[in-house]
Amino acid sequence: MTDTSLPSEPNRYIVPALAQGLGILSLFGGENRSFTAPEIARRLSLPRTKVFRLLQTLQSMDYVRCGEDKRHFTLGPALLRGGFEYLASLDMVEVAQPVLQRLRDETGLSSHMAIRDKREIVYVSRFPARSTIASSVNIGTRFPVHATIMGRMTIFELDDEALAALFGDQPLERFTPQTPTTLKALKVLLAEDRKRGYAVSQAFFETGVSAIAAPVRDGAGTIVAAINVTAVNAHIDERAMHGALKQSVLEAAAEISRWLAHRS
């Protein structure tokens, strides 16, 4: 197999010092919160004198800061402030778009995001499947919370008082034989959802539609939306729904939640 990861010829417009400075900044993340100059030089295979000059430049602009020991460098407020201001400016749907698109591409299924409006969910993002029959929902489509797994994902952590205030004691509308028609029956499903942290559906709301859904949380850990993948006129193997597909949906929901947490 031919390696196509590098261009055949170097780009003569690249500024080496800028690339090296950005290379230093890219080292920070996850558990890697601080580095000494020798550690940076070793990781980037750069001369120590060059790393020293780059660090002095970045430090002068507050992109990195030197610790009290005068040896360890951490990210500075200029970079963090700019990044968080950008994240804070993003709408939740805008944050979710690339994640949902990637989820669609990875699974081959339609992906969606919905938020709750009282006793209904409202679809706010949609990426239809490319190679299979796509779901028919559009942005703005509304479905009842109690009858959909996306809806259940938005309420499964509500306590009894909140659920009673939301639904009262009125019968719940039936859409399929699986629809809970009483609050008591709905609570049974919600308890199962809480244990799993996700939900699966085989024609739960619509005949011929299979789906896997998971909750999305904000920086406080509150559920603010739900995402799913759906297959139309296709039966998905139960093991796949609770296996690889479930994992993909949970990972996508967790990624969106992490972005939202950074906005807080």
C-alpha atoms as a PDB file:
ATOM      1  CA  MET A   1       0.000   0.000   0.000  1.00  0.00           C
ATOM      2  CA  THR A   2       1.342   3.433  -0.930  1.00  0.00           C
ATOM      3  CA  ASP A   3       1.757   5.909   1.917  1.00  0.00           C
ATOM      4  CA  THR A   4      -0.147   9.042   0.945  1.00  0.00           C
ATOM      5  CA  SER A   5       0.026  10.750   4.326  1.00  0.00           C
ATOM      6  CA  LEU A   6       2.863  13.079   3.249  1.00  0.00           C
ATOM      7  CA  PRO A   7       3.066  15.272   0.164  1.00  0.00           C
ATOM      8  CA  SER A   8       5.560  14.187  -2.485  1.00  0.00           C
ATOM      9  CA  GLU A   9       7.254  17.602  -2.354  1.00  0.00           C
ATOM     10  CA  PRO A  10       7.663  19.985   0.595  1.00  0.00           C
ATOM     11  CA  ASN A  11       5.369  22.980   0.604  1.00  0.00           C
ATOM     12  CA  ARG A  12       7.623  25.987   0.054  1.00  0.00           C
ATOM     13  CA  TYR A  13       5.057  28.313   1.626  1.00  0.00           C
ATOM     14  CA  ILE A  14       5.251  26.696   5.068  1.00  0.00           C
ATOM     15  CA  VAL A  15       6.836  28.830   7.815  1.00  0.00           C
ATOM     16  CA  PRO A  16       8.942  26.364   9.874  1.00  0.00           C
ATOM     17  CA  ALA A  17       9.041  28.450  13.058  1.00  0.00           C
ATOM     18  CA  LEU A  18       5.249  28.832  13.063  1.00  0.00           C
ATOM     19  CA  ALA A  19       4.768  25.112  12.477  1.00  0.00           C
ATOM     20  CA  GLN A  20       7.189  24.312  15.301  1.00  0.00           C
ATOM     21  CA  GLY A  21       5.463  26.731  17.677  1.00  0.00           C
ATOM     22  CA  LEU A  22       2.079  25.168  16.915  1.00  0.00           C
ATOM     23  CA  GLY A  23       3.703  21.772  17.381  1.00  0.00           C
ATOM     24  CA  ILE A  24       4.624  22.782  20.924  1.00  0.00           C
ATOM     25  CA  LEU A  25       1.052  23.897  21.686  1.00  0.00           C
ATOM     26  CA  SER A  26      -0.362  20.661  20.269  1.00  0.00           C
ATOM     27  CA  LEU A  27       1.591  18.626  22.828  1.00  0.00           C
ATOM     28  CA  PHE A  28      -0.614  19.888  25.651  1.00  0.00           C
ATOM     29  CA  GLY A  29      -3.829  17.995  26.286  1.00  0.00           C
ATOM     30  CA  GLY A  30      -5.373  15.216  28.353  1.00  0.00           C
ATOM     31  CA  GLU A  31      -2.875  14.154  31.024  1.00  0.00           C
ATOM     32  CA  ASN A  32      -0.062  16.128  29.364  1.00  0.00           C
ATOM     33  CA  ARG A  33      -0.546  19.413  31.198  1.00  0.00           C
ATOM     34  CA  SER A  34       3.066  20.537  31.577  1.00  0.00           C
ATOM     35  CA  PHE A  35       6.440  19.977  29.917  1.00  0.00           C
ATOM     36  CA  THR A  36      10.026  21.050  30.438  1.00  0.00           C
ATOM     37  CA  ALA A  37      11.988  22.463  27.512  1.00  0.00           C
ATOM     38  CA  PRO A  38      14.129  19.293  27.221  1.00  0.00           C
ATOM     39  CA  GLU A  39      10.974  17.132  27.126  1.00  0.00           C
ATOM     40  CA  ILE A  40       9.544  19.267  24.331  1.00  0.00           C
ATOM     41  CA  ALA A  41      12.818  19.136  22.398  1.00  0.00           C
ATOM     42  CA  ARG A  42      12.894  15.353  22.698  1.00  0.00           C
ATOM     43  CA  ARG A  43       9.260  14.867  21.667  1.00  0.00           C
ATOM     44  CA  LEU A  44       9.523  17.159  18.653  1.00  0.00           C
ATOM     45  CA  SER A  45      13.111  16.218  17.748  1.00  0.00           C
ATOM     46  CA  LEU A  46      14.180  19.864  17.834  1.00  0.00           C
ATOM     47  CA  PRO A  47      17.376  21.473  19.136  1.00  0.00           C
ATOM     48  CA  ARG A  48      17.043  22.713  22.704  1.00  0.00           C
ATOM     49  CA  THR A  49      18.173  26.213  21.761  1.00  0.00           C
ATOM     50  CA  LYS A  50      15.383  26.481  19.188  1.00  0.00           C
ATOM     51  CA  VAL A  51      12.799  25.168  21.674  1.00  0.00           C
ATOM     52  CA  PHE A  52      14.004  27.717  24.229  1.00  0.00           C
ATOM     53  CA  ARG A  53      13.500  30.588  21.752  1.00  0.00           C
ATOM     54  CA  LEU A  54      10.077  29.311  20.722  1.00  0.00           C
ATOM     55  CA  LEU A  55       8.984  29.003  24.339  1.00  0.00           C
ATOM     56  CA  GLN A  56      10.193  32.524  25.108  1.00  0.00           C
ATOM     57  CA  THR A  57       8.142  33.832  22.173  1.00  0.00           C
ATOM     58  CA  LEU A  58       5.025  31.916  23.186  1.00  0.00           C
ATOM     59  CA  GLN A  59       5.474  32.993  26.807  1.00  0.00           C
ATOM     60  CA  SER A  60       5.788  36.662  25.828  1.00  0.00           C
ATOM     61  CA  MET A  61       2.381  36.413  24.151  1.00  0.00           C
ATOM     62  CA  ASP A  62       0.811  34.482  27.081  1.00  0.00           C
ATOM     63  CA  TYR A  63       0.287  31.339  25.005  1.00  0.00           C
ATOM     64  CA  VAL A  64       2.360  29.392  27.533  1.00  0.00           C
ATOM     65  CA  ARG A  65       3.400  30.111  31.096  1.00  0.00           C
ATOM     66  CA  CYS A  66       6.375  28.957  33.112  1.00  0.00           C
ATOM     67  CA  GLY A  67       5.767  27.444  36.537  1.00  0.00           C
ATOM     68  CA  GLU A  68       7.266  28.509  39.857  1.00  0.00           C
ATOM     69  CA  ASP A  69      10.073  25.974  39.399  1.00  0.00           C
ATOM     70  CA  LYS A  70      11.128  27.888  36.258  1.00  0.00           C
ATOM     71  CA  ARG A  71      11.259  24.579  34.391  1.00  0.00           C
ATOM     72  CA  HIS A  72       7.740  23.388  33.586  1.00  0.00           C
ATOM     73  CA  PHE A  73       5.573  25.108  30.998  1.00  0.00           C
ATOM     74  CA  THR A  74       1.756  25.004  30.826  1.00  0.00           C
ATOM     75  CA  LEU A  75      -0.793  26.504  28.459  1.00  0.00           C
ATOM     76  CA  GLY A  76      -1.317  30.194  29.035  1.00  0.00           C
ATOM     77  CA  PRO A  77      -4.502  32.268  29.268  1.00  0.00           C
ATOM     78  CA  ALA A  78      -4.233  33.703  25.741  1.00  0.00           C
ATOM     79  CA  LEU A  79      -4.821  30.303  24.160  1.00  0.00           C
ATOM     80  CA  LEU A  80      -7.347  29.112  26.727  1.00  0.00           C
ATOM     81  CA  ARG A  81      -9.300  32.367  26.668  1.00  0.00           C
ATOM     82  CA  GLY A  82      -9.536  32.397  22.900  1.00  0.00           C
ATOM     83  CA  GLY A  83     -10.550  28.757  22.718  1.00  0.00           C
ATOM     84  CA  PHE A  84     -13.237  28.965  25.369  1.00  0.00           C
ATOM     85  CA  GLU A  85     -14.663  32.185  23.959  1.00  0.00           C
ATOM     86  CA  TYR A  86     -15.017  30.433  20.623  1.00  0.00           C
ATOM     87  CA  LEU A  87     -16.668  27.395  22.196  1.00  0.00           C
ATOM     88  CA  ALA A  88     -19.042  29.580  24.173  1.00  0.00           C
ATOM     89  CA  SER A  89     -20.145  31.265  20.964  1.00  0.00           C
ATOM     90  CA  LEU A  90     -21.194  28.009  19.353  1.00  0.00           C
ATOM     91  CA  ASP A  91     -24.819  26.905  19.382  1.00  0.00           C
ATOM     92  CA  MET A  92     -25.445  23.389  20.694  1.00  0.00           C
ATOM     93  CA  VAL A  93     -26.655  22.251  17.280  1.00  0.00           C
ATOM     94  CA  GLU A  94     -23.571  23.720  15.622  1.00  0.00           C
ATOM     95  CA  VAL A  95     -21.360  21.858  18.095  1.00  0.00           C
ATOM     96  CA  ALA A  96     -23.168  18.596  17.346  1.00  0.00           C
ATOM     97  CA  GLN A  97     -23.184  18.820  13.540  1.00  0.00           C
ATOM     98  CA  PRO A  98     -19.735  17.338  12.764  1.00  0.00           C
ATOM     99  CA  VAL A  99     -20.185  14.621  15.383  1.00  0.00           C
ATOM    100  CA  LEU A 100     -23.578  13.577  14.008  1.00  0.00           C
ATOM    101  CA  GLN A 101     -22.263  13.615  10.461  1.00  0.00           C
ATOM    102  CA  ARG A 102     -19.385  11.358  11.444  1.00  0.00           C
ATOM    103  CA  LEU A 103     -21.787   9.081  13.329  1.00  0.00           C
ATOM    104  CA  ARG A 104     -23.903   8.770  10.167  1.00  0.00           C
ATOM    105  CA  ASP A 105     -20.842   8.000   8.054  1.00  0.00           C
ATOM    106  CA  GLU A 106     -19.469   5.436  10.510  1.00  0.00           C
ATOM    107  CA  THR A 107     -22.727   3.534  11.017  1.00  0.00           C
ATOM    108  CA  GLY A 108     -24.354   4.049   7.603  1.00  0.00           C
ATOM    109  CA  LEU A 109     -27.571   4.995   9.424  1.00  0.00           C
ATOM    110  CA  SER A 110     -29.447   8.271   9.681  1.00  0.00           C
ATOM    111  CA  SER A 111     -28.419  10.317  12.718  1.00  0.00           C
ATOM    112  CA  HIS A 112     -30.465  12.940  14.570  1.00  0.00           C
ATOM    113  CA  MET A 113     -30.509  15.258  17.550  1.00  0.00           C
ATOM    114  CA  ALA A 114     -33.661  16.314  19.412  1.00  0.00           C
ATOM    115  CA  ILE A 115     -34.485  18.510  22.380  1.00  0.00           C
ATOM    116  CA  ARG A 116     -37.513  18.319  24.664  1.00  0.00           C
ATOM    117  CA  ASP A 117     -40.306  20.890  24.590  1.00  0.00           C
ATOM    118  CA  LYS A 118     -42.632  19.919  27.441  1.00  0.00           C
ATOM    119  CA  ARG A 119     -44.210  16.591  26.404  1.00  0.00           C
ATOM    120  CA  GLU A 120     -42.725  16.531  22.917  1.00  0.00           C
ATOM    121  CA  ILE A 121     -39.295  16.213  21.384  1.00  0.00           C
ATOM    122  CA  VAL A 122     -38.309  18.485  18.520  1.00  0.00           C
ATOM    123  CA  TYR A 123     -35.751  17.395  15.924  1.00  0.00           C
ATOM    124  CA  VAL A 124     -33.050  20.055  15.595  1.00  0.00           C
ATOM    125  CA  SER A 125     -30.444  18.251  13.479  1.00  0.00           C
ATOM    126  CA  ARG A 126     -30.570  15.515  10.859  1.00  0.00           C
ATOM    127  CA  PHE A 127     -28.080  13.631   8.689  1.00  0.00           C
ATOM    128  CA  PRO A 128     -29.935  11.163   6.448  1.00  0.00           C
ATOM    129  CA  ALA A 129     -28.361   7.843   5.546  1.00  0.00           C
ATOM    130  CA  ARG A 130     -26.553   7.762   2.200  1.00  0.00           C
ATOM    131  CA  SER A 131     -26.858   4.138   1.170  1.00  0.00           C
ATOM    132  CA  THR A 132     -30.102   2.991   2.801  1.00  0.00           C
ATOM    133  CA  ILE A 133     -33.631   4.318   3.006  1.00  0.00           C
ATOM    134  CA  ALA A 134     -33.349   7.479   5.098  1.00  0.00           C
ATOM    135  CA  SER A 135     -35.670   8.402   7.933  1.00  0.00           C
ATOM    136  CA  SER A 136     -38.523  10.692   6.946  1.00  0.00           C
ATOM    137  CA  VAL A 137     -38.206  13.133   9.841  1.00  0.00           C
ATOM    138  CA  ASN A 138     -37.174  16.712   9.151  1.00  0.00           C
ATOM    139  CA  ILE A 139     -35.801  19.465  11.352  1.00  0.00           C
ATOM    140  CA  GLY A 140     -38.762  20.742  13.355  1.00  0.00           C
ATOM    141  CA  THR A 141     -40.562  17.374  13.413  1.00  0.00           C
ATOM    142  CA  ARG A 142     -42.246  16.748  16.764  1.00  0.00           C
ATOM    143  CA  PHE A 143     -42.958  13.409  18.451  1.00  0.00           C
ATOM    144  CA  PRO A 144     -44.400  12.578  21.888  1.00  0.00           C
ATOM    145  CA  VAL A 145     -41.785  12.091  24.586  1.00  0.00           C
ATOM    146  CA  HIS A 146     -43.332   8.982  26.134  1.00  0.00           C
ATOM    147  CA  ALA A 147     -43.627   7.069  22.853  1.00  0.00           C
ATOM    148  CA  THR A 148     -40.062   7.492  21.547  1.00  0.00           C
ATOM    149  CA  ILE A 149     -36.704   6.357  22.852  1.00  0.00           C
ATOM    150  CA  MET A 150     -35.256   9.772  22.013  1.00  0.00           C
ATOM    151  CA  GLY A 151     -37.929  11.259  24.253  1.00  0.00           C
ATOM    152  CA  ARG A 152     -37.202   8.802  27.034  1.00  0.00           C
ATOM    153  CA  MET A 153     -33.528   9.761  26.892  1.00  0.00           C
ATOM    154  CA  THR A 154     -34.488  13.340  27.786  1.00  0.00           C
ATOM    155  CA  ILE A 155     -36.533  12.406  30.886  1.00  0.00           C
ATOM    156  CA  PHE A 156     -35.124   9.181  32.333  1.00  0.00           C
ATOM    157  CA  GLU A 157     -33.399  11.046  35.183  1.00  0.00           C
ATOM    158  CA  LEU A 158     -36.471  13.049  36.228  1.00  0.00           C
ATOM    159  CA  ASP A 159     -37.788  12.174  39.693  1.00  0.00           C
ATOM    160  CA  ASP A 160     -41.336  11.051  40.418  1.00  0.00           C
ATOM    161  CA  GLU A 161     -42.489  14.581  41.246  1.00  0.00           C
ATOM    162  CA  ALA A 162     -41.170  15.990  37.979  1.00  0.00           C
ATOM    163  CA  LEU A 163     -42.693  13.138  35.959  1.00  0.00           C
ATOM    164  CA  ALA A 164     -46.059  13.606  37.662  1.00  0.00           C
ATOM    165  CA  ALA A 165     -45.955  17.335  36.885  1.00  0.00           C
ATOM    166  CA  LEU A 166     -45.106  16.588  33.266  1.00  0.00           C
ATOM    167  CA  PHE A 167     -47.675  13.878  32.545  1.00  0.00           C
ATOM    168  CA  GLY A 168     -50.268  14.133  35.301  1.00  0.00           C
ATOM    169  CA  ASP A 169     -52.607  11.163  35.652  1.00  0.00           C
ATOM    170  CA  GLN A 170     -53.990  11.224  32.127  1.00  0.00           C
ATOM    171  CA  PRO A 171     -53.660   8.139  29.896  1.00  0.00           C
ATOM    172  CA  LEU A 172     -50.775   8.281  27.449  1.00  0.00           C
ATOM    173  CA  GLU A 173     -51.553   7.947  23.751  1.00  0.00           C
ATOM    174  CA  ARG A 174     -50.776   4.576  22.197  1.00  0.00           C
ATOM    175  CA  PHE A 175     -48.914   4.438  18.878  1.00  0.00           C
ATOM    176  CA  THR A 176     -47.758   0.793  18.779  1.00  0.00           C
ATOM    177  CA  PRO A 177     -48.276  -2.246  21.020  1.00  0.00           C
ATOM    178  CA  GLN A 178     -45.016  -1.270  22.788  1.00  0.00           C
ATOM    179  CA  THR A 179     -46.152   2.249  23.761  1.00  0.00           C
ATOM    180  CA  PRO A 180     -46.563   2.758  27.531  1.00  0.00           C
ATOM    181  CA  THR A 181     -50.079   4.073  28.129  1.00  0.00           C
ATOM    182  CA  THR A 182     -49.728   4.889  31.835  1.00  0.00           C
ATOM    183  CA  LEU A 183     -47.104   6.767  33.823  1.00  0.00           C
ATOM    184  CA  LYS A 184     -46.467   3.607  35.827  1.00  0.00           C
ATOM    185  CA  ALA A 185     -45.624   1.655  32.677  1.00  0.00           C
ATOM    186  CA  LEU A 186     -43.436   4.501  31.430  1.00  0.00           C
ATOM    187  CA  LYS A 187     -41.502   4.544  34.709  1.00  0.00           C
ATOM    188  CA  VAL A 188     -40.638   0.866  34.238  1.00  0.00           C
ATOM    189  CA  LEU A 189     -39.013   1.675  30.896  1.00  0.00           C
ATOM    190  CA  LEU A 190     -37.254   4.733  32.321  1.00  0.00           C
ATOM    191  CA  ALA A 191     -35.766   2.638  35.131  1.00  0.00           C
ATOM    192  CA  GLU A 192     -34.315   0.264  32.539  1.00  0.00           C
ATOM    193  CA  ASP A 193     -32.967   3.248  30.578  1.00  0.00           C
ATOM    194  CA  ARG A 194     -31.221   4.569  33.697  1.00  0.00           C
ATOM    195  CA  LYS A 195     -29.461   1.245  34.238  1.00  0.00           C
ATOM    196  CA  ARG A 196     -28.206   1.074  30.639  1.00  0.00           C
ATOM    197  CA  GLY A 197     -27.631   4.743  29.928  1.00  0.00           C
ATOM    198  CA  TYR A 198     -29.078   4.289  26.445  1.00  0.00           C
ATOM    199  CA  ALA A 199     -32.150   2.795  24.736  1.00  0.00           C
ATOM    200  CA  VAL A 200     -32.844   0.617  21.710  1.00  0.00           C
ATOM    201  CA  SER A 201     -35.984   0.248  19.648  1.00  0.00           C
ATOM    202  CA  GLN A 202     -37.357  -2.258  17.184  1.00  0.00           C
ATOM    203  CA  ALA A 203     -40.541  -0.643  15.839  1.00  0.00           C
ATOM    204  CA  PHE A 204     -41.180   0.989  19.223  1.00  0.00           C
ATOM    205  CA  PHE A 205     -42.757   4.088  17.662  1.00  0.00           C
ATOM    206  CA  GLU A 206     -42.988   3.282  13.957  1.00  0.00           C
ATOM    207  CA  THR A 207     -43.253  -0.063  12.185  1.00  0.00           C
ATOM    208  CA  GLY A 208     -40.076  -0.968  10.345  1.00  0.00           C
ATOM    209  CA  VAL A 209     -37.876   1.568  12.164  1.00  0.00           C
ATOM    210  CA  SER A 210     -35.001   0.457  14.407  1.00  0.00           C
ATOM    211  CA  ALA A 211     -33.108   2.951  16.529  1.00  0.00           C
ATOM    212  CA  ILE A 212     -30.485   3.429  19.233  1.00  0.00           C
ATOM    213  CA  ALA A 213     -30.543   6.605  21.347  1.00  0.00           C
ATOM    214  CA  ALA A 214     -28.395   8.227  24.044  1.00  0.00           C
ATOM    215  CA  PRO A 215     -28.573  11.420  26.146  1.00  0.00           C
ATOM    216  CA  VAL A 216     -26.476  14.568  25.717  1.00  0.00           C
ATOM    217  CA  ARG A 217     -25.464  16.559  28.816  1.00  0.00           C
ATOM    218  CA  ASP A 218     -24.282  20.088  29.485  1.00  0.00           C
ATOM    219  CA  GLY A 219     -21.400  21.140  31.708  1.00  0.00           C
ATOM    220  CA  ALA A 220     -23.514  20.651  34.848  1.00  0.00           C
ATOM    221  CA  GLY A 221     -24.357  17.080  33.859  1.00  0.00           C
ATOM    222  CA  THR A 222     -27.973  17.937  33.052  1.00  0.00           C
ATOM    223  CA  ILE A 223     -29.540  16.168  30.076  1.00  0.00           C
ATOM    224  CA  VAL A 224     -30.224  18.829  27.448  1.00  0.00           C
ATOM    225  CA  ALA A 225     -30.799  16.763  24.295  1.00  0.00           C
ATOM    226  CA  ALA A 226     -30.710  13.274  22.839  1.00  0.00           C
ATOM    227  CA  ILE A 227     -29.179  11.757  19.718  1.00  0.00           C
ATOM    228  CA  ASN A 228     -29.940   8.596  17.813  1.00  0.00           C
ATOM    229  CA  VAL A 229     -29.275   6.533  14.720  1.00  0.00           C
ATOM    230  CA  THR A 230     -32.167   4.954  12.839  1.00  0.00           C
ATOM    231  CA  ALA A 231     -32.630   2.309  10.179  1.00  0.00           C
ATOM    232  CA  VAL A 232     -35.807   2.279   8.070  1.00  0.00           C
ATOM    233  CA  ASN A 233     -37.292  -0.960   6.715  1.00  0.00           C
ATOM    234  CA  ALA A 234     -34.334  -2.881   8.078  1.00  0.00           C
ATOM    235  CA  HIS A 235     -34.122  -5.204  11.075  1.00  0.00           C
ATOM    236  CA  ILE A 236     -30.899  -4.691  13.000  1.00  0.00           C
ATOM    237  CA  ASP A 237     -29.480  -7.658  14.844  1.00  0.00           C
ATOM    238  CA  GLU A 238     -30.072  -7.287  18.596  1.00  0.00           C
ATOM    239  CA  ARG A 239     -26.430  -7.995  19.372  1.00  0.00           C
ATOM    240  CA  ALA A 240     -25.328  -5.206  17.034  1.00  0.00           C
ATOM    241  CA  MET A 241     -27.790  -2.776  18.590  1.00  0.00           C
ATOM    242  CA  HIS A 242     -26.450  -3.469  22.079  1.00  0.00           C
ATOM    243  CA  GLY A 243     -22.879  -3.796  20.798  1.00  0.00           C
ATOM    244  CA  ALA A 244     -21.019  -1.763  18.195  1.00  0.00           C
ATOM    245  CA  LEU A 245     -23.928   0.530  17.258  1.00  0.00           C
ATOM    246  CA  LYS A 246     -24.710   1.325  20.867  1.00  0.00           C
ATOM    247  CA  GLN A 247     -21.056   2.094  21.494  1.00  0.00           C
ATOM    248  CA  SER A 248     -20.878   4.455  18.514  1.00  0.00           C
ATOM    249  CA  VAL A 249     -23.953   6.374  19.681  1.00  0.00           C
ATOM    250  CA  LEU A 250     -22.707   6.601  23.273  1.00  0.00           C
ATOM    251  CA  GLU A 251     -19.302   7.843  22.135  1.00  0.00           C
ATOM    252  CA  ALA A 252     -20.898  10.483  19.904  1.00  0.00           C
ATOM    253  CA  ALA A 253     -23.151  11.657  22.753  1.00  0.00           C
ATOM    254  CA  ALA A 254     -20.159  11.813  25.100  1.00  0.00           C
ATOM    255  CA  GLU A 255     -18.163  13.849  22.573  1.00  0.00           C
ATOM    256  CA  ILE A 256     -20.958  16.399  22.143  1.00  0.00           C
ATOM    257  CA  SER A 257     -21.326  16.556  25.933  1.00  0.00           C
ATOM    258  CA  ARG A 258     -17.604  17.263  26.344  1.00  0.00           C
ATOM    259  CA  TRP A 259     -17.817  20.156  23.877  1.00  0.00           C
ATOM    260  CA  LEU A 260     -20.831  21.540  25.707  1.00  0.00           C
ATOM    261  CA  ALA A 261     -18.977  21.255  29.028  1.00  0.00           C
ATOM    262  CA  HIS A 262     -16.170  23.430  27.632  1.00  0.00           C
ATOM    263  CA  ARG A 263     -18.747  26.099  26.811  1.00  0.00           C
ATOM    264  CA  SER A 264     -19.911  26.329  30.423  1.00  0.00           C
END
